[in-house]
Amino acid sequence: MGRRTIAIVIFVFGFLVLLAIGFLVLTQQGTPAETPTPEGTPEATTEPGAAAEEGAPPPGLPGPQETLPPMVEVVVSLQTVPRGWQFTEAELTTDLRLRDEVDSNVVTRVEDVVGKYARTDIFQGETITKDQLASDPTLVGVNDFGPSSLIPPGFVAQAVPMDRLSGVAYGLDEGDYIDILITFIFWKLDPEFQTFLQNSANFFLESVDDEGNIQLIVYTIDVFGRFEELPTGDLAHISPSELQRPVAISMVIQNAKVIQVGAWQPVPPVAVATPTPEPVEVAEGEPTATPGFIAQAPPTPTPTPPDVLLVALSPQQQLLLKYALEANADIDFALRGVNDGQLYSVENVDLNYLLDRFNIEVPADFGFTVDNIIVTVTPPPPTPEGEVQPTPEGG
């Protein structure tokens, strides 16, 4: 095949391709293009010639949208809180709930929860209800779960005896903060016997009678002092005139919380109301029954003053307080003001503190002193009426 023939074949093939392309272009221009249906627009289902249903929207228009159910905001806990926890805005948020599922017990405002105390453990994401909250922390401890709900985190509670003087004249109440004043009494001990000084001394003496018999005599000196040689050359025993005087040292435990005053008493059960007796109808002419003797209720006994106090402290401070109780130390309580949680720098008080703090000079030893003169004047008895008082002799 020659070159001329190949060129003719290529030309014919190209011409046919151009014809095919032109035919396709003309065919597409003669057919109307379909407009794409926007997303979300319902397609018309009515066939040509068929009547539209009554109340149906015209083809190409959106239908009526569904109405959302009414919602309401409720308060939800952002974290798990234990019972007795005081709420702040940091632990609270709001969430939407169906109005039909929210009853009157559900809290709908954060402001109604801030500052309240949890009666029960509230978990993360839980809807808060009114019966889970308490305004007074004492209600949480006394009425629901006992004193444990009032103990701050990291503290433990211990019972301490109290009376009218040590208990601030019975002015303490649950939730107060107090300082505990402790006075220890220090006594001197014998290092070897570990007993209080002064010691006793036993002397073994031998007595010989006229016949030469030896008799052993035990002579006890209690309290034993010391032997001194007098200027006359005689030996004398010098003993103390009174018992040993102890040394008192006072200290303070600050900012203890009062959990309970007096013995714990559980909440009594709710008393059932006594039904009112119905009047009995009396027939006409019959005598009216006389009511019998009605016993009067006994008088209410006077409550016994509390004699025990439950205080919350750190474990280390509780050990110190327990040691003070077992050492029979003197314990008193000082009531703090409201919202006064300040810790003060306090020095332990003893005799040296008094001398240094108030610049007291110890007086020198004198060989004499001044004593007061006490004269008791006894007036004469009154003279009865009609009697003449005798005149003293020489008057």
Protein backbone atom coordinates (compact mmCIF):
# COMPACT_ATOMS: atom_id res chain seq x y z
CA MET A 1 0.00 0.00 0.00
CA GLY A 2 1.38 3.36 -1.02
CA ARG A 3 1.74 6.48 1.05
CA ARG A 4 -1.05 8.12 -0.86
CA THR A 5 -3.48 5.39 0.04
CA ILE A 6 -2.60 5.62 3.77
CA ALA A 7 -3.18 9.38 3.79
CA ILE A 8 -6.61 8.94 2.20
CA VAL A 9 -7.63 6.35 4.81
CA ILE A 10 -6.57 8.62 7.70
CA PHE A 11 -8.49 11.54 6.23
CA VAL A 12 -11.67 9.48 5.85
CA PHE A 13 -11.40 8.16 9.43
CA GLY A 14 -10.96 11.68 10.86
CA PHE A 15 -13.91 12.97 8.89
CA LEU A 16 -16.16 10.21 10.27
CA VAL A 17 -15.09 11.02 13.82
CA LEU A 18 -15.96 14.70 13.35
CA LEU A 19 -19.39 13.74 12.01
CA ALA A 20 -20.07 11.58 15.06
CA ILE A 21 -19.08 14.37 17.45
CA GLY A 22 -21.28 16.90 15.66
CA PHE A 23 -24.25 14.55 15.80
CA LEU A 24 -23.93 14.09 19.53
CA VAL A 25 -23.72 17.85 20.13
CA LEU A 26 -26.84 18.52 18.12
CA THR A 27 -28.74 15.76 19.89
CA GLN A 28 -27.98 17.19 23.38
CA GLN A 29 -29.02 20.72 22.39
CA GLY A 30 -32.41 19.52 21.29
CA THR A 31 -33.24 17.75 24.66
CA PRO A 32 -34.28 20.05 27.69
CA ALA A 33 -31.94 19.64 30.67
CA GLU A 34 -33.42 18.36 33.92
CA THR A 35 -33.09 20.74 36.87
CA PRO A 36 -31.60 18.92 39.88
CA THR A 37 -33.89 18.72 42.85
CA PRO A 38 -32.53 20.65 45.88
CA GLU A 39 -31.67 18.53 48.87
CA GLY A 40 -34.50 18.38 51.35
CA THR A 41 -37.21 19.30 48.79
CA PRO A 42 -39.87 16.59 48.45
CA GLU A 43 -40.37 15.21 44.99
CA ALA A 44 -43.76 15.48 43.34
CA THR A 45 -45.45 12.13 43.19
CA THR A 46 -48.60 13.24 41.39
CA GLU A 47 -48.77 11.80 37.92
CA PRO A 48 -49.89 13.99 35.00
CA GLY A 49 -53.62 14.19 34.81
CA ALA A 50 -54.14 13.04 38.42
CA ALA A 51 -55.74 15.46 40.92
CA ALA A 52 -53.73 16.45 44.00
CA GLU A 53 -54.93 15.24 47.37
CA GLU A 54 -56.97 17.67 49.46
CA GLY A 55 -54.77 19.65 51.91
CA ALA A 56 -51.52 18.51 50.29
CA PRO A 57 -49.01 21.25 49.43
CA PRO A 58 -48.45 22.06 45.78
CA PRO A 59 -45.69 20.16 44.04
CA GLY A 60 -42.25 21.65 44.66
CA LEU A 61 -43.12 23.29 48.07
CA PRO A 62 -41.87 21.92 51.44
CA GLY A 63 -44.38 20.21 53.69
CA PRO A 64 -45.17 21.19 57.34
CA GLN A 65 -42.28 20.48 59.80
CA GLU A 66 -42.76 18.46 63.02
CA THR A 67 -43.13 20.53 66.27
CA LEU A 68 -40.40 19.79 68.91
CA PRO A 69 -41.64 18.82 72.40
CA PRO A 70 -41.23 21.51 75.10
CA MET A 71 -37.93 21.35 76.99
CA VAL A 72 -36.85 22.76 80.37
CA GLU A 73 -33.44 23.39 81.96
CA VAL A 74 -32.50 21.33 85.03
CA VAL A 75 -29.47 21.50 87.32
CA VAL A 76 -26.95 18.66 86.94
CA SER A 77 -23.88 17.81 89.00
CA LEU A 78 -20.58 17.99 87.11
CA GLN A 79 -18.79 15.65 89.52
CA THR A 80 -19.50 13.08 92.19
CA VAL A 81 -19.88 14.74 95.62
CA PRO A 82 -20.24 13.00 99.00
CA ARG A 83 -23.02 13.65 101.46
CA GLY A 84 -22.50 16.78 103.50
CA TRP A 85 -20.75 18.55 100.59
CA GLN A 86 -21.43 22.28 100.24
CA PHE A 87 -22.14 23.14 96.60
CA THR A 88 -20.49 25.93 94.60
CA GLU A 89 -20.97 26.95 90.99
CA ALA A 90 -17.88 24.92 90.02
CA GLU A 91 -19.73 21.62 90.56
CA LEU A 92 -22.98 22.60 88.80
CA THR A 93 -24.28 23.01 85.25
CA THR A 94 -27.62 22.89 83.42
CA ASP A 95 -29.04 20.46 80.87
CA LEU A 96 -32.26 20.16 78.86
CA ARG A 97 -34.93 17.65 79.77
CA LEU A 98 -38.43 16.98 78.45
CA ARG A 99 -40.97 19.04 80.37
CA ASP A 100 -43.20 16.02 80.87
CA GLU A 101 -40.34 14.14 82.58
CA VAL A 102 -39.48 16.94 85.05
CA ASP A 103 -41.55 17.01 88.22
CA SER A 104 -41.78 19.73 90.86
CA ASN A 105 -39.00 18.14 92.95
CA VAL A 106 -36.30 18.83 90.32
CA VAL A 107 -34.17 21.96 90.76
CA THR A 108 -34.19 24.22 87.69
CA ARG A 109 -31.90 27.09 88.81
CA VAL A 110 -28.24 26.92 89.78
CA GLU A 111 -28.77 29.72 92.32
CA ASP A 112 -31.07 27.45 94.32
CA VAL A 113 -28.26 24.91 94.83
CA VAL A 114 -25.22 27.11 95.54
CA GLY A 115 -24.47 27.12 99.27
CA LYS A 116 -26.68 24.10 100.04
CA TYR A 117 -25.42 20.81 101.51
CA ALA A 118 -25.87 17.37 99.95
CA ARG A 119 -28.02 14.99 101.98
CA THR A 120 -26.85 11.97 99.95
CA ASP A 121 -24.00 11.03 97.65
CA ILE A 122 -24.69 12.70 94.28
CA PHE A 123 -23.00 11.20 91.23
CA GLN A 124 -21.61 12.91 88.12
CA GLY A 125 -24.34 13.80 85.62
CA GLU A 126 -27.16 13.17 88.10
CA THR A 127 -30.12 15.55 88.09
CA ILE A 128 -30.33 17.34 91.44
CA THR A 129 -33.63 17.29 93.31
CA LYS A 130 -34.82 19.41 96.23
CA ASP A 131 -34.94 16.52 98.69
CA GLN A 132 -31.20 15.94 98.11
CA LEU A 133 -30.31 19.38 99.55
CA ALA A 134 -30.28 20.93 103.00
CA SER A 135 -29.73 24.56 103.99
CA ASP A 136 -28.52 23.83 107.53
CA PRO A 137 -25.57 21.42 107.88
CA THR A 138 -26.84 20.30 111.27
CA LEU A 139 -29.94 18.88 109.59
CA VAL A 140 -27.75 16.67 107.45
CA GLY A 141 -25.95 15.27 110.49
CA VAL A 142 -28.76 15.09 113.02
CA ASN A 143 -31.82 14.17 111.01
CA ASP A 144 -30.42 11.95 108.27
CA PHE A 145 -27.00 10.37 108.61
CA GLY A 146 -25.63 11.14 112.07
CA PRO A 147 -22.63 13.23 113.04
CA SER A 148 -20.34 11.78 110.35
CA SER A 149 -21.80 14.13 107.72
CA LEU A 150 -20.47 17.16 109.62
CA ILE A 151 -16.84 16.01 109.91
CA PRO A 152 -14.61 17.96 107.47
CA PRO A 153 -12.35 15.96 105.12
CA GLY A 154 -9.10 14.90 106.78
CA PHE A 155 -10.55 15.22 110.29
CA VAL A 156 -11.74 12.68 112.85
CA ALA A 157 -14.09 13.17 115.81
CA GLN A 158 -13.57 12.29 119.47
CA ALA A 159 -15.74 12.64 122.56
CA VAL A 160 -14.49 14.90 125.37
CA PRO A 161 -16.13 15.42 128.79
CA MET A 162 -17.47 18.87 129.59
CA ASP A 163 -19.33 20.71 132.34
CA ARG A 164 -20.82 24.15 132.92
CA LEU A 165 -17.49 25.94 133.32
CA SER A 166 -15.38 24.13 130.72
CA GLY A 167 -18.26 24.13 128.20
CA VAL A 168 -18.61 27.94 127.97
CA ALA A 169 -21.69 27.92 130.23
CA TYR A 170 -23.39 25.37 127.92
CA GLY A 171 -23.18 27.90 125.08
CA LEU A 172 -21.73 25.46 122.53
CA ASP A 173 -23.77 24.18 119.60
CA GLU A 174 -23.28 21.95 116.57
CA GLY A 175 -21.18 23.62 113.88
CA ASP A 176 -19.31 25.99 116.22
CA TYR A 177 -15.53 26.29 116.17
CA ILE A 178 -13.62 26.26 119.44
CA ASP A 179 -10.11 26.31 120.88
CA ILE A 180 -9.21 23.57 123.35
CA LEU A 181 -7.18 24.80 126.33
CA ILE A 182 -5.11 22.06 128.00
CA THR A 183 -3.12 22.35 131.22
CA PHE A 184 -0.69 19.57 132.09
CA ILE A 185 0.58 19.07 135.65
CA PHE A 186 4.27 18.08 135.83
CA TRP A 187 5.54 16.22 138.91
CA LYS A 188 9.11 15.40 139.86
CA LEU A 189 9.96 11.70 139.75
CA ASP A 190 12.74 9.59 141.17
CA PRO A 191 14.75 8.59 138.06
CA GLU A 192 15.39 5.09 139.41
CA PHE A 193 12.03 4.21 140.96
CA GLN A 194 9.91 6.35 138.58
CA THR A 195 7.76 7.38 141.56
CA PHE A 196 6.78 10.74 142.92
CA LEU A 197 9.24 12.53 145.15
CA GLN A 198 9.81 12.74 148.06
CA ASN A 199 10.89 9.21 148.95
CA SER A 200 10.54 7.37 152.24
CA ALA A 201 13.50 6.02 154.25
CA ASN A 202 13.67 2.98 156.55
CA PHE A 203 16.37 2.83 159.23
CA PHE A 204 17.27 -0.47 160.87
CA LEU A 205 18.34 0.06 164.48
CA GLU A 206 19.65 -2.44 167.01
CA SER A 207 18.62 -2.24 170.62
CA VAL A 208 20.53 -4.15 173.34
CA ASP A 209 18.83 -4.72 176.67
CA ASP A 210 20.50 -5.24 180.06
CA GLU A 211 20.79 -8.96 179.47
CA GLY A 212 22.64 -8.45 176.17
CA ASN A 213 19.78 -9.43 173.89
CA ILE A 214 19.77 -7.61 170.57
CA GLN A 215 16.43 -6.41 169.23
CA LEU A 216 16.06 -5.13 165.64
CA ILE A 217 13.96 -1.97 165.25
CA VAL A 218 12.77 -0.61 161.87
CA TYR A 219 12.26 3.16 161.91
CA THR A 220 10.53 4.77 158.90
CA ILE A 221 10.83 8.42 157.95
CA ASP A 222 8.15 9.56 155.54
CA VAL A 223 8.73 11.99 153.93
CA PHE A 224 12.51 11.62 153.89
CA GLY A 225 14.40 14.89 153.60
CA ARG A 226 18.04 15.29 154.52
CA PHE A 227 20.28 15.24 157.57
CA GLU A 228 22.07 18.41 158.57
CA GLU A 229 24.47 19.19 161.39
CA LEU A 230 23.25 22.02 163.55
CA PRO A 231 25.54 24.74 164.93
CA THR A 232 25.35 22.97 168.26
CA GLY A 233 26.92 19.92 166.70
CA ASP A 234 23.73 17.88 166.83
CA LEU A 235 22.50 15.97 163.76
CA ALA A 236 18.94 16.83 162.67
CA HIS A 237 16.62 15.53 159.96
CA ILE A 238 15.18 18.28 157.74
CA SER A 239 11.95 17.21 155.99
CA PRO A 240 9.54 19.19 153.74
CA SER A 241 6.55 20.73 155.46
CA GLU A 242 4.14 19.91 152.61
CA LEU A 243 3.78 17.71 149.57
CA GLN A 244 5.57 18.41 146.31
CA ARG A 245 4.22 21.35 144.37
CA PRO A 246 3.65 20.43 140.70
CA VAL A 247 4.48 22.63 137.72
CA ALA A 248 1.55 23.61 135.46
CA ILE A 249 2.10 24.10 131.71
CA SER A 250 -0.77 25.19 129.43
CA MET A 251 -1.19 24.87 125.67
CA VAL A 252 -3.96 25.30 123.11
CA ILE A 253 -5.38 23.28 120.21
CA GLN A 254 -6.92 25.73 117.75
CA ASN A 255 -9.92 25.68 115.44
CA ALA A 256 -11.66 22.46 116.44
CA LYS A 257 -15.15 21.92 115.04
CA VAL A 258 -18.04 20.99 117.33
CA ILE A 259 -19.85 18.04 115.78
CA GLN A 260 -22.29 17.22 118.56
CA VAL A 261 -23.22 18.47 122.03
CA GLY A 262 -24.45 15.81 124.43
CA ALA A 263 -25.18 12.16 123.74
CA TRP A 264 -26.34 11.12 120.27
CA GLN A 265 -30.08 10.58 120.05
CA PRO A 266 -31.55 9.14 116.84
CA VAL A 267 -34.50 10.90 115.28
CA PRO A 268 -37.70 9.48 116.87
CA PRO A 269 -40.28 7.93 114.54
CA VAL A 270 -43.21 10.00 113.41
CA ALA A 271 -46.01 9.72 115.97
CA VAL A 272 -49.38 8.58 114.65
CA ALA A 273 -52.14 11.09 115.32
CA THR A 274 -54.73 9.97 117.87
CA PRO A 275 -58.17 9.78 116.24
CA THR A 276 -60.83 12.09 117.66
CA PRO A 277 -63.60 10.07 119.35
CA GLU A 278 -66.98 10.41 117.70
CA PRO A 279 -69.81 11.77 119.88
CA VAL A 280 -72.40 9.23 120.98
CA GLU A 281 -75.99 10.18 120.34
CA VAL A 282 -78.18 10.05 123.45
CA ALA A 283 -81.85 9.22 123.08
CA GLU A 284 -84.36 11.76 124.26
CA GLY A 285 -85.16 11.32 127.93
CA GLU A 286 -82.02 9.34 128.80
CA PRO A 287 -79.51 10.85 131.26
CA THR A 288 -76.25 12.11 129.83
CA ALA A 289 -73.30 9.94 130.77
CA THR A 290 -70.81 11.65 133.05
CA PRO A 291 -67.27 11.45 131.67
CA GLY A 292 -64.87 9.49 133.80
CA PHE A 293 -61.68 10.72 135.39
CA ILE A 294 -59.21 12.00 132.84
CA ALA A 295 -55.62 11.48 133.89
CA GLN A 296 -53.39 14.48 133.38
CA ALA A 297 -50.13 14.10 131.54
CA PRO A 298 -47.09 14.10 133.82
CA PRO A 299 -45.03 17.29 133.77
CA THR A 300 -42.16 17.44 131.34
CA PRO A 301 -38.93 16.59 133.18
CA THR A 302 -36.14 19.14 133.19
CA PRO A 303 -33.54 18.11 130.60
CA THR A 304 -30.17 17.05 131.96
CA PRO A 305 -27.34 19.40 130.93
CA PRO A 306 -24.93 17.84 128.42
CA ASP A 307 -21.76 16.35 129.85
CA VAL A 308 -19.96 15.29 126.67
CA LEU A 309 -18.76 17.08 123.55
CA LEU A 310 -17.85 15.62 120.14
CA VAL A 311 -15.08 17.61 118.44
CA ALA A 312 -13.37 17.15 115.05
CA LEU A 313 -9.59 17.56 114.74
CA SER A 314 -6.75 16.21 112.65
CA PRO A 315 -5.57 12.71 113.68
CA GLN A 316 -2.36 14.07 115.23
CA GLN A 317 -4.27 16.60 117.32
CA GLN A 318 -6.70 13.90 118.40
CA LEU A 319 -3.79 11.84 119.72
CA LEU A 320 -2.65 14.85 121.77
CA LEU A 321 -6.18 15.30 123.10
CA LYS A 322 -6.42 11.59 123.96
CA TYR A 323 -3.10 11.78 125.83
CA ALA A 324 -4.39 14.80 127.76
CA LEU A 325 -7.53 12.90 128.75
CA GLU A 326 -5.59 9.85 129.91
CA ALA A 327 -3.07 12.03 131.79
CA ASN A 328 -5.97 13.66 133.67
CA ALA A 329 -5.09 17.10 132.33
CA ASP A 330 -7.41 20.05 132.88
CA ILE A 331 -9.35 20.73 129.64
CA ASP A 332 -11.46 23.80 128.88
CA PHE A 333 -13.05 25.14 125.70
CA ALA A 334 -13.01 28.67 124.26
CA LEU A 335 -15.72 29.59 121.74
CA ARG A 336 -14.63 31.26 118.48
CA GLY A 337 -16.58 33.88 116.55
CA VAL A 338 -18.51 33.14 113.39
CA ASN A 339 -16.25 32.55 110.35
CA ASP A 340 -13.11 33.00 112.47
CA GLY A 341 -10.71 30.34 111.23
CA GLN A 342 -7.48 32.21 111.91
CA LEU A 343 -4.62 30.32 113.52
CA TYR A 344 -2.79 32.38 116.13
CA SER A 345 0.81 32.15 117.31
CA VAL A 346 0.42 31.10 120.94
CA GLU A 347 3.16 30.39 123.47
CA ASN A 348 2.85 27.78 126.16
CA VAL A 349 2.21 29.35 129.55
CA ASP A 350 4.13 28.45 132.71
CA LEU A 351 5.70 30.28 135.65
CA ASN A 352 8.67 31.47 133.58
CA TYR A 353 6.28 32.92 130.98
CA LEU A 354 4.55 34.99 133.67
CA LEU A 355 7.84 36.31 135.04
CA ASP A 356 9.22 37.22 131.61
CA ARG A 357 6.02 38.45 129.97
CA PHE A 358 4.95 40.79 132.78
CA ASN A 359 8.45 41.68 134.02
CA ILE A 360 7.81 40.31 137.49
CA GLU A 361 10.81 40.55 139.79
CA VAL A 362 11.12 37.84 142.41
CA PRO A 363 11.33 39.61 145.79
CA ALA A 364 14.39 39.09 147.94
CA ASP A 365 14.27 36.96 151.06
CA PHE A 366 13.51 39.02 154.17
CA GLY A 367 13.82 38.14 157.82
CA PHE A 368 10.46 39.65 158.62
CA THR A 369 7.07 40.40 157.04
CA VAL A 370 3.86 42.37 157.59
CA ASP A 371 0.68 40.66 158.68
CA ASN A 372 -2.84 41.99 158.72
CA ILE A 373 -4.80 42.45 161.93
CA ILE A 374 -8.25 40.94 161.86
CA VAL A 375 -10.63 42.17 164.59
CA THR A 376 -14.11 40.72 164.76
CA VAL A 377 -16.61 43.09 166.36
CA THR A 378 -19.55 41.30 167.96
CA PRO A 379 -22.46 43.71 168.57
CA PRO A 380 -24.51 43.22 171.77
CA PRO A 381 -27.87 41.51 171.33
CA PRO A 382 -30.88 43.82 171.05
CA THR A 383 -32.76 44.58 174.31
CA PRO A 384 -36.36 43.40 174.39
CA GLU A 385 -38.99 46.07 174.77
CA GLY A 386 -39.85 46.93 178.43
CA GLU A 387 -36.47 45.89 179.79
CA VAL A 388 -33.85 48.34 180.97
CA GLN A 389 -30.37 47.71 179.66
CA PRO A 390 -27.97 47.39 182.64
CA THR A 391 -25.38 50.09 182.97
CA PRO A 392 -21.80 48.85 182.75
CA GLU A 393 -19.75 49.11 185.88
CA GLY A 394 -17.89 52.36 186.16
CA GLY A 395 -20.25 54.02 183.67
